[in-house]
Amino acid sequence: MNKGINVINELLVDLFNDILVIEQKSLQYATFKDLSVTEVHTIEAIGMDKPKRMKDVACQLDITMGTLTTAINRLERKQYVTRTRSKEDRRIVYIQLTQEGKLAFRVHHKFHSNMVEEIVGELTEEEEGVLIKSLEKLNNFFRSKYNLKIGSKEKNNE
C-alpha cells in the first residue's frame, strides 16, 4: 500500500471507532445510561412517526427477526418501546416509541446534529463542499460494493 492509502485507512478506522466510543460516552453522561449504542440505533430505526412493522425495522437494520425480537424485548422492559399485534393479521407486530423512547431519539439526534455542526463550523465553504463530495463518493462506493441499503433519511426524501 502506498502512503496515502495507509493514511486514509488509518483515518477511516480511527474515525469509525472514535465515533462509537463518543456515542457510548455521550449515553453514559446523558439520562439514558441504561441504553447501549445498538439499542439507540434500534430506537433511531423505529423513528418518531407512526408504528412500524417489526419486519420493516429488521430489514432496515439488516438484522434477523430473532435479533430484533431480543432487542425489542430489552427496550420494552426498559419502557422505551411498545409492541402491538395487528388486529387484521395477528402475525404482524407493530412497534413504536414510548414518550421515553421519543426523548432518547431526540437526544441522540441532537448529539449527531451538534457533532456535525461543530465539524462544519471549522471548515471554509470550499472545504465543506470538498468534504460533502468526498463523503458522497465514499458512501456510494460502500453501498455499491457491499450492496447496502439506502439510508433512512434518503428513503424519506424520495
N, C-alpha and C. Protein backbone atom coordinates (compact mmCIF):
# COMPACT_ATOMS: atom_id res chain seq x y z
N MET A 1 0.85 -1.20 0.00
CA MET A 1 0.00 0.00 0.00
C MET A 1 0.88 1.24 0.00
N ASN A 2 0.44 2.24 -0.75
CA ASN A 2 1.20 3.48 -0.72
C ASN A 2 0.82 4.30 0.52
N LYS A 3 1.58 5.33 0.77
CA LYS A 3 1.41 6.13 2.00
C LYS A 3 0.00 6.73 2.11
N GLY A 4 -0.53 7.26 1.00
CA GLY A 4 -1.86 7.86 1.02
C GLY A 4 -2.93 6.86 1.41
N ILE A 5 -2.85 5.66 0.89
CA ILE A 5 -3.83 4.62 1.21
C ILE A 5 -3.72 4.23 2.68
N ASN A 6 -2.50 4.12 3.18
CA ASN A 6 -2.32 3.80 4.61
C ASN A 6 -2.92 4.87 5.50
N VAL A 7 -2.70 6.12 5.16
CA VAL A 7 -3.23 7.24 5.96
C VAL A 7 -4.76 7.22 5.93
N ILE A 8 -5.34 7.04 4.74
CA ILE A 8 -6.80 7.01 4.62
C ILE A 8 -7.36 5.83 5.41
N ASN A 9 -6.73 4.68 5.31
CA ASN A 9 -7.18 3.51 6.06
C ASN A 9 -7.16 3.79 7.57
N GLU A 10 -6.07 4.32 8.06
CA GLU A 10 -5.97 4.63 9.49
C GLU A 10 -7.02 5.65 9.91
N LEU A 11 -7.21 6.67 9.10
CA LEU A 11 -8.20 7.70 9.43
C LEU A 11 -9.61 7.13 9.48
N LEU A 12 -9.97 6.30 8.50
CA LEU A 12 -11.31 5.72 8.48
C LEU A 12 -11.54 4.81 9.68
N VAL A 13 -10.58 3.96 9.97
CA VAL A 13 -10.70 3.05 11.11
C VAL A 13 -10.79 3.84 12.42
N ASP A 14 -9.89 4.81 12.58
CA ASP A 14 -9.90 5.63 13.80
C ASP A 14 -11.21 6.40 13.93
N LEU A 15 -11.67 6.99 12.84
CA LEU A 15 -12.90 7.78 12.86
C LEU A 15 -14.10 6.91 13.25
N PHE A 16 -14.21 5.75 12.63
CA PHE A 16 -15.31 4.85 12.94
C PHE A 16 -15.29 4.46 14.42
N ASN A 17 -14.14 4.03 14.90
CA ASN A 17 -14.01 3.61 16.31
C ASN A 17 -14.24 4.78 17.26
N ASP A 18 -13.70 5.95 16.94
CA ASP A 18 -13.88 7.12 17.80
C ASP A 18 -15.35 7.51 17.92
N ILE A 19 -16.07 7.48 16.80
CA ILE A 19 -17.49 7.86 16.85
C ILE A 19 -18.26 6.90 17.73
N LEU A 20 -17.97 5.60 17.64
CA LEU A 20 -18.64 4.63 18.50
C LEU A 20 -18.35 4.91 19.98
N VAL A 21 -17.10 5.20 20.31
CA VAL A 21 -16.72 5.49 21.69
C VAL A 21 -17.40 6.78 22.16
N ILE A 22 -17.40 7.79 21.32
CA ILE A 22 -18.03 9.07 21.67
C ILE A 22 -19.53 8.89 21.90
N GLU A 23 -20.18 8.11 21.03
CA GLU A 23 -21.62 7.85 21.22
C GLU A 23 -21.87 7.14 22.55
N GLN A 24 -21.06 6.13 22.85
CA GLN A 24 -21.25 5.39 24.10
C GLN A 24 -21.02 6.30 25.31
N LYS A 25 -19.98 7.13 25.25
CA LYS A 25 -19.72 8.05 26.36
C LYS A 25 -20.84 9.07 26.51
N SER A 26 -21.36 9.56 25.39
CA SER A 26 -22.44 10.55 25.48
C SER A 26 -23.67 9.94 26.14
N LEU A 27 -23.90 8.65 25.91
CA LEU A 27 -25.03 7.97 26.57
C LEU A 27 -24.78 7.84 28.07
N GLN A 28 -23.55 7.57 28.45
CA GLN A 28 -23.22 7.40 29.86
C GLN A 28 -23.42 8.70 30.64
N TYR A 29 -23.22 9.83 29.97
CA TYR A 29 -23.36 11.12 30.65
C TYR A 29 -24.76 11.69 30.51
N ALA A 30 -25.58 11.08 29.67
CA ALA A 30 -26.95 11.54 29.49
C ALA A 30 -27.85 10.81 30.49
N THR A 31 -29.13 11.05 30.36
CA THR A 31 -30.08 10.40 31.26
C THR A 31 -30.40 8.98 30.82
N PHE A 32 -29.75 8.52 29.75
CA PHE A 32 -30.04 7.20 29.19
C PHE A 32 -28.88 6.24 29.40
N LYS A 33 -28.44 6.15 30.62
CA LYS A 33 -27.30 5.28 30.96
C LYS A 33 -27.61 3.80 30.74
N ASP A 34 -28.89 3.47 30.71
CA ASP A 34 -29.28 2.06 30.55
C ASP A 34 -29.34 1.61 29.10
N LEU A 35 -29.04 2.50 28.16
CA LEU A 35 -29.09 2.16 26.73
C LEU A 35 -27.69 1.94 26.16
N SER A 36 -27.58 0.94 25.30
CA SER A 36 -26.34 0.73 24.56
C SER A 36 -26.45 1.49 23.23
N VAL A 37 -25.34 1.64 22.55
CA VAL A 37 -25.35 2.30 21.24
C VAL A 37 -26.24 1.51 20.28
N THR A 38 -26.18 0.20 20.34
CA THR A 38 -27.02 -0.64 19.46
C THR A 38 -28.49 -0.40 19.75
N GLU A 39 -28.85 -0.27 21.01
CA GLU A 39 -30.25 0.00 21.36
C GLU A 39 -30.68 1.37 20.87
N VAL A 40 -29.80 2.34 20.96
CA VAL A 40 -30.13 3.69 20.46
C VAL A 40 -30.34 3.65 18.95
N HIS A 41 -29.52 2.88 18.25
CA HIS A 41 -29.69 2.77 16.80
C HIS A 41 -30.99 2.04 16.45
N THR A 42 -31.41 1.13 17.30
CA THR A 42 -32.71 0.47 17.10
C THR A 42 -33.82 1.48 17.31
N ILE A 43 -33.71 2.29 18.35
CA ILE A 43 -34.69 3.36 18.59
C ILE A 43 -34.73 4.30 17.40
N GLU A 44 -33.57 4.64 16.88
CA GLU A 44 -33.48 5.53 15.71
C GLU A 44 -34.19 4.91 14.50
N ALA A 45 -34.05 3.60 14.30
CA ALA A 45 -34.68 2.92 13.17
C ALA A 45 -36.20 2.89 13.33
N ILE A 46 -36.68 2.77 14.56
CA ILE A 46 -38.13 2.77 14.80
C ILE A 46 -38.69 4.15 14.46
N GLY A 47 -37.99 5.19 14.86
CA GLY A 47 -38.37 6.55 14.50
C GLY A 47 -39.51 7.11 15.31
N MET A 48 -39.81 8.37 15.01
CA MET A 48 -40.79 9.13 15.77
C MET A 48 -42.20 9.05 15.17
N ASP A 49 -42.31 8.56 13.96
CA ASP A 49 -43.59 8.58 13.26
C ASP A 49 -44.53 7.49 13.75
N LYS A 50 -45.38 7.08 12.87
CA LYS A 50 -46.37 6.05 13.19
C LYS A 50 -45.70 4.72 13.52
N PRO A 51 -46.45 3.79 14.14
CA PRO A 51 -45.87 2.48 14.45
C PRO A 51 -45.30 1.82 13.19
N LYS A 52 -44.23 1.06 13.38
CA LYS A 52 -43.60 0.36 12.26
C LYS A 52 -43.72 -1.14 12.48
N ARG A 53 -43.79 -1.87 11.38
CA ARG A 53 -43.80 -3.33 11.48
C ARG A 53 -42.41 -3.80 11.88
N MET A 54 -42.36 -4.80 12.73
CA MET A 54 -41.07 -5.38 13.16
C MET A 54 -40.27 -5.80 11.94
N LYS A 55 -40.93 -6.41 10.98
CA LYS A 55 -40.27 -6.89 9.77
C LYS A 55 -39.54 -5.75 9.06
N ASP A 56 -40.17 -4.58 8.98
CA ASP A 56 -39.58 -3.43 8.29
C ASP A 56 -38.36 -2.90 9.04
N VAL A 57 -38.42 -2.87 10.35
CA VAL A 57 -37.29 -2.39 11.16
C VAL A 57 -36.12 -3.37 11.05
N ALA A 58 -36.42 -4.66 11.11
CA ALA A 58 -35.36 -5.68 10.97
C ALA A 58 -34.68 -5.53 9.61
N CYS A 59 -35.46 -5.31 8.58
CA CYS A 59 -34.92 -5.13 7.23
C CYS A 59 -34.07 -3.86 7.17
N GLN A 60 -34.56 -2.78 7.74
CA GLN A 60 -33.82 -1.52 7.74
C GLN A 60 -32.48 -1.66 8.46
N LEU A 61 -32.47 -2.38 9.56
CA LEU A 61 -31.24 -2.57 10.33
C LEU A 61 -30.38 -3.71 9.78
N ASP A 62 -30.94 -4.45 8.82
CA ASP A 62 -30.26 -5.59 8.21
C ASP A 62 -29.89 -6.64 9.26
N ILE A 63 -30.90 -6.96 10.11
CA ILE A 63 -30.74 -7.99 11.14
C ILE A 63 -31.90 -8.97 11.02
N THR A 64 -31.76 -10.12 11.66
CA THR A 64 -32.84 -11.12 11.63
C THR A 64 -33.97 -10.69 12.55
N MET A 65 -35.14 -11.29 12.33
CA MET A 65 -36.28 -11.01 13.21
C MET A 65 -35.97 -11.46 14.64
N GLY A 66 -35.22 -12.56 14.78
CA GLY A 66 -34.86 -13.04 16.12
C GLY A 66 -33.99 -12.04 16.86
N THR A 67 -33.02 -11.45 16.15
CA THR A 67 -32.15 -10.44 16.77
C THR A 67 -32.96 -9.22 17.17
N LEU A 68 -33.86 -8.79 16.28
CA LEU A 68 -34.70 -7.62 16.60
C LEU A 68 -35.63 -7.94 17.77
N THR A 69 -36.20 -9.12 17.79
CA THR A 69 -37.09 -9.50 18.89
C THR A 69 -36.37 -9.41 20.23
N THR A 70 -35.14 -9.88 20.27
CA THR A 70 -34.34 -9.80 21.50
C THR A 70 -34.13 -8.34 21.89
N ALA A 71 -33.80 -7.50 20.92
CA ALA A 71 -33.58 -6.07 21.19
C ALA A 71 -34.87 -5.40 21.67
N ILE A 72 -35.98 -5.73 21.02
CA ILE A 72 -37.26 -5.12 21.40
C ILE A 72 -37.69 -5.59 22.78
N ASN A 73 -37.43 -6.86 23.11
CA ASN A 73 -37.73 -7.34 24.46
C ASN A 73 -37.03 -6.48 25.51
N ARG A 74 -35.74 -6.20 25.27
CA ARG A 74 -34.97 -5.37 26.22
C ARG A 74 -35.52 -3.95 26.26
N LEU A 75 -35.78 -3.37 25.09
CA LEU A 75 -36.27 -1.99 25.04
C LEU A 75 -37.67 -1.87 25.63
N GLU A 76 -38.47 -2.88 25.47
CA GLU A 76 -39.81 -2.88 26.05
C GLU A 76 -39.72 -2.97 27.58
N ARG A 77 -38.83 -3.84 28.06
CA ARG A 77 -38.61 -3.98 29.51
C ARG A 77 -38.13 -2.65 30.12
N LYS A 78 -37.31 -1.93 29.36
CA LYS A 78 -36.78 -0.64 29.83
C LYS A 78 -37.77 0.51 29.59
N GLN A 79 -38.91 0.19 28.97
CA GLN A 79 -40.01 1.13 28.71
C GLN A 79 -39.67 2.21 27.68
N TYR A 80 -38.90 1.84 26.67
CA TYR A 80 -38.61 2.74 25.55
C TYR A 80 -39.48 2.44 24.34
N VAL A 81 -40.07 1.25 24.31
CA VAL A 81 -40.81 0.77 23.14
C VAL A 81 -42.06 0.04 23.60
N THR A 82 -43.13 0.15 22.79
CA THR A 82 -44.31 -0.70 22.99
C THR A 82 -44.50 -1.55 21.74
N ARG A 83 -45.16 -2.67 21.95
CA ARG A 83 -45.35 -3.63 20.85
C ARG A 83 -46.84 -3.99 20.83
N THR A 84 -47.43 -3.99 19.64
CA THR A 84 -48.83 -4.41 19.49
C THR A 84 -48.98 -5.29 18.25
N ARG A 85 -49.92 -6.21 18.32
CA ARG A 85 -50.21 -7.08 17.18
C ARG A 85 -51.30 -6.45 16.32
N SER A 86 -51.22 -6.68 15.04
CA SER A 86 -52.24 -6.21 14.12
C SER A 86 -53.55 -6.91 14.43
N LYS A 87 -54.65 -6.17 14.37
CA LYS A 87 -55.97 -6.76 14.60
C LYS A 87 -56.40 -7.59 13.39
N GLU A 88 -55.94 -7.19 12.20
CA GLU A 88 -56.31 -7.89 10.98
C GLU A 88 -55.50 -9.18 10.78
N ASP A 89 -54.22 -9.13 11.13
CA ASP A 89 -53.33 -10.28 10.95
C ASP A 89 -52.43 -10.38 12.17
N ARG A 90 -52.71 -11.31 13.04
CA ARG A 90 -52.01 -11.43 14.32
C ARG A 90 -50.52 -11.75 14.15
N ARG A 91 -50.10 -12.16 12.95
CA ARG A 91 -48.68 -12.43 12.71
C ARG A 91 -47.87 -11.15 12.61
N ILE A 92 -48.54 -10.05 12.29
CA ILE A 92 -47.85 -8.76 12.12
C ILE A 92 -47.76 -8.06 13.47
N VAL A 93 -46.54 -7.66 13.83
CA VAL A 93 -46.30 -6.97 15.10
C VAL A 93 -45.79 -5.56 14.79
N TYR A 94 -46.43 -4.58 15.42
CA TYR A 94 -46.03 -3.19 15.27
C TYR A 94 -45.28 -2.74 16.52
N ILE A 95 -44.26 -1.91 16.30
CA ILE A 95 -43.53 -1.33 17.43
C ILE A 95 -43.52 0.17 17.29
N GLN A 96 -43.52 0.84 18.41
CA GLN A 96 -43.41 2.30 18.41
C GLN A 96 -42.75 2.74 19.69
N LEU A 97 -42.22 3.95 19.65
CA LEU A 97 -41.52 4.50 20.81
C LEU A 97 -42.52 5.03 21.84
N THR A 98 -42.18 4.83 23.10
CA THR A 98 -42.92 5.46 24.19
C THR A 98 -42.44 6.92 24.29
N GLN A 99 -42.98 7.66 25.22
CA GLN A 99 -42.50 9.04 25.43
C GLN A 99 -41.01 9.04 25.77
N GLU A 100 -40.59 8.08 26.61
CA GLU A 100 -39.18 7.97 26.99
C GLU A 100 -38.33 7.60 25.77
N GLY A 101 -38.85 6.74 24.91
CA GLY A 101 -38.16 6.36 23.68
C GLY A 101 -38.02 7.54 22.73
N LYS A 102 -39.06 8.34 22.65
CA LYS A 102 -39.01 9.54 21.79
C LYS A 102 -38.00 10.54 22.32
N LEU A 103 -37.91 10.66 23.63
CA LEU A 103 -36.92 11.55 24.23
C LEU A 103 -35.51 11.06 23.91
N ALA A 104 -35.27 9.76 24.04
CA ALA A 104 -33.96 9.19 23.71
C ALA A 104 -33.64 9.43 22.24
N PHE A 105 -34.64 9.29 21.36
CA PHE A 105 -34.46 9.55 19.93
C PHE A 105 -34.01 11.00 19.71
N ARG A 106 -34.72 11.93 20.33
CA ARG A 106 -34.40 13.36 20.14
C ARG A 106 -33.02 13.71 20.69
N VAL A 107 -32.67 13.16 21.85
CA VAL A 107 -31.36 13.43 22.45
C VAL A 107 -30.25 12.90 21.53
N HIS A 108 -30.43 11.70 21.00
CA HIS A 108 -29.42 11.12 20.11
C HIS A 108 -29.32 11.92 18.80
N HIS A 109 -30.46 12.33 18.29
CA HIS A 109 -30.47 13.15 17.07
C HIS A 109 -29.74 14.47 17.31
N LYS A 110 -29.96 15.07 18.46
CA LYS A 110 -29.29 16.32 18.81
C LYS A 110 -27.78 16.11 18.94
N PHE A 111 -27.37 14.98 19.50
CA PHE A 111 -25.95 14.64 19.61
C PHE A 111 -25.30 14.65 18.22
N HIS A 112 -25.96 13.98 17.26
CA HIS A 112 -25.41 13.93 15.90
C HIS A 112 -25.38 15.32 15.27
N SER A 113 -26.45 16.08 15.45
CA SER A 113 -26.51 17.44 14.89
C SER A 113 -25.39 18.31 15.44
N ASN A 114 -25.20 18.26 16.75
CA ASN A 114 -24.14 19.06 17.38
C ASN A 114 -22.76 18.67 16.87
N MET A 115 -22.53 17.36 16.73
CA MET A 115 -21.24 16.88 16.26
C MET A 115 -20.96 17.40 14.85
N VAL A 116 -21.94 17.29 13.97
CA VAL A 116 -21.76 17.74 12.58
C VAL A 116 -21.61 19.26 12.52
N GLU A 117 -22.42 19.98 13.28
CA GLU A 117 -22.32 21.44 13.29
C GLU A 117 -20.94 21.91 13.73
N GLU A 118 -20.38 21.25 14.74
CA GLU A 118 -19.04 21.63 15.21
C GLU A 118 -17.97 21.35 14.16
N ILE A 119 -18.10 20.22 13.48
CA ILE A 119 -17.13 19.88 12.43
C ILE A 119 -17.22 20.88 11.29
N VAL A 120 -18.42 21.12 10.81
CA VAL A 120 -18.62 22.01 9.67
C VAL A 120 -18.28 23.45 10.03
N GLY A 121 -18.51 23.81 11.28
CA GLY A 121 -18.21 25.17 11.72
C GLY A 121 -16.74 25.54 11.59
N GLU A 122 -15.88 24.55 11.58
CA GLU A 122 -14.43 24.77 11.46
C GLU A 122 -13.95 24.83 10.01
N LEU A 123 -14.85 24.55 9.06
CA LEU A 123 -14.45 24.47 7.66
C LEU A 123 -14.83 25.73 6.88
N THR A 124 -14.04 26.01 5.85
CA THR A 124 -14.43 27.06 4.91
C THR A 124 -15.53 26.48 4.02
N GLU A 125 -16.19 27.32 3.27
CA GLU A 125 -17.23 26.87 2.36
C GLU A 125 -16.67 25.87 1.34
N GLU A 126 -15.49 26.16 0.86
CA GLU A 126 -14.84 25.28 -0.12
C GLU A 126 -14.51 23.92 0.51
N GLU A 127 -13.97 23.93 1.73
CA GLU A 127 -13.64 22.68 2.42
C GLU A 127 -14.91 21.86 2.69
N GLU A 128 -15.98 22.57 3.05
CA GLU A 128 -17.25 21.88 3.29
C GLU A 128 -17.73 21.19 2.01
N GLY A 129 -17.62 21.86 0.89
CA GLY A 129 -18.00 21.28 -0.39
C GLY A 129 -17.17 20.05 -0.74
N VAL A 130 -15.87 20.14 -0.50
CA VAL A 130 -14.98 19.00 -0.77
C VAL A 130 -15.32 17.83 0.16
N LEU A 131 -15.59 18.13 1.43
CA LEU A 131 -15.95 17.08 2.38
C LEU A 131 -17.24 16.39 1.95
N ILE A 132 -18.23 17.16 1.58
CA ILE A 132 -19.52 16.59 1.15
C ILE A 132 -19.32 15.69 -0.06
N LYS A 133 -18.60 16.19 -1.06
CA LYS A 133 -18.36 15.41 -2.28
C LYS A 133 -17.59 14.12 -1.96
N SER A 134 -16.58 14.21 -1.10
CA SER A 134 -15.78 13.04 -0.73
C SER A 134 -16.62 12.02 0.02
N LEU A 135 -17.43 12.48 0.97
CA LEU A 135 -18.27 11.56 1.74
C LEU A 135 -19.34 10.92 0.86
N GLU A 136 -19.89 11.68 -0.09
CA GLU A 136 -20.86 11.11 -1.03
C GLU A 136 -20.21 9.99 -1.84
N LYS A 137 -19.00 10.23 -2.35
CA LYS A 137 -18.30 9.21 -3.13
C LYS A 137 -18.01 7.98 -2.28
N LEU A 138 -17.57 8.20 -1.06
CA LEU A 138 -17.26 7.11 -0.14
C LEU A 138 -18.53 6.30 0.15
N ASN A 139 -19.60 7.00 0.45
CA ASN A 139 -20.88 6.37 0.75
C ASN A 139 -21.38 5.56 -0.45
N ASN A 140 -21.33 6.16 -1.63
CA ASN A 140 -21.79 5.47 -2.84
C ASN A 140 -20.94 4.23 -3.12
N PHE A 141 -19.63 4.34 -2.89
CA PHE A 141 -18.76 3.19 -3.10
C PHE A 141 -19.15 2.04 -2.19
N PHE A 142 -19.31 2.31 -0.88
CA PHE A 142 -19.66 1.24 0.05
C PHE A 142 -21.02 0.63 -0.28
N ARG A 143 -21.98 1.45 -0.62
CA ARG A 143 -23.32 0.95 -0.95
C ARG A 143 -23.27 0.07 -2.19
N SER A 144 -22.52 0.50 -3.18
CA SER A 144 -22.42 -0.27 -4.41
C SER A 144 -21.61 -1.55 -4.20
N LYS A 145 -20.46 -1.43 -3.61
CA LYS A 145 -19.55 -2.56 -3.43
C LYS A 145 -20.14 -3.64 -2.52
N TYR A 146 -20.83 -3.22 -1.45
CA TYR A 146 -21.33 -4.16 -0.46
C TYR A 146 -22.85 -4.30 -0.47
N ASN A 147 -23.48 -3.79 -1.53
CA ASN A 147 -24.92 -3.93 -1.73
C ASN A 147 -25.71 -3.48 -0.50
N LEU A 148 -25.37 -2.30 0.01
CA LEU A 148 -26.03 -1.76 1.19
C LEU A 148 -27.28 -1.01 0.81
N LYS A 149 -28.21 -0.96 1.75
CA LYS A 149 -29.46 -0.23 1.52
C LYS A 149 -29.23 1.26 1.63
N ILE A 150 -30.14 2.01 1.05
CA ILE A 150 -30.10 3.46 1.16
C ILE A 150 -30.48 3.84 2.57
N GLY A 151 -29.80 4.84 3.14
CA GLY A 151 -30.07 5.30 4.50
C GLY A 151 -31.49 5.79 4.66
N SER A 152 -31.99 5.77 5.89
CA SER A 152 -33.38 6.12 6.17
C SER A 152 -33.71 7.56 5.78
N LYS A 153 -32.78 8.48 5.93
CA LYS A 153 -33.03 9.88 5.56
C LYS A 153 -33.30 9.98 4.07
N GLU A 154 -32.48 9.30 3.25
CA GLU A 154 -32.64 9.37 1.81
C GLU A 154 -33.93 8.71 1.37
N LYS A 155 -34.33 7.62 2.04
CA LYS A 155 -35.59 6.96 1.72
C LYS A 155 -36.76 7.91 1.91
N ASN A 156 -36.69 8.68 3.01
CA ASN A 156 -37.77 9.61 3.32
C ASN A 156 -37.86 10.75 2.33
N ASN A 157 -36.74 11.08 1.68
CA ASN A 157 -36.72 12.20 0.74
C ASN A 157 -37.07 11.78 -0.68
N GLU A 158 -37.23 10.48 -0.93
CA GLU A 158 -37.52 10.02 -2.28
C GLU A 158 -38.97 10.25 -2.63
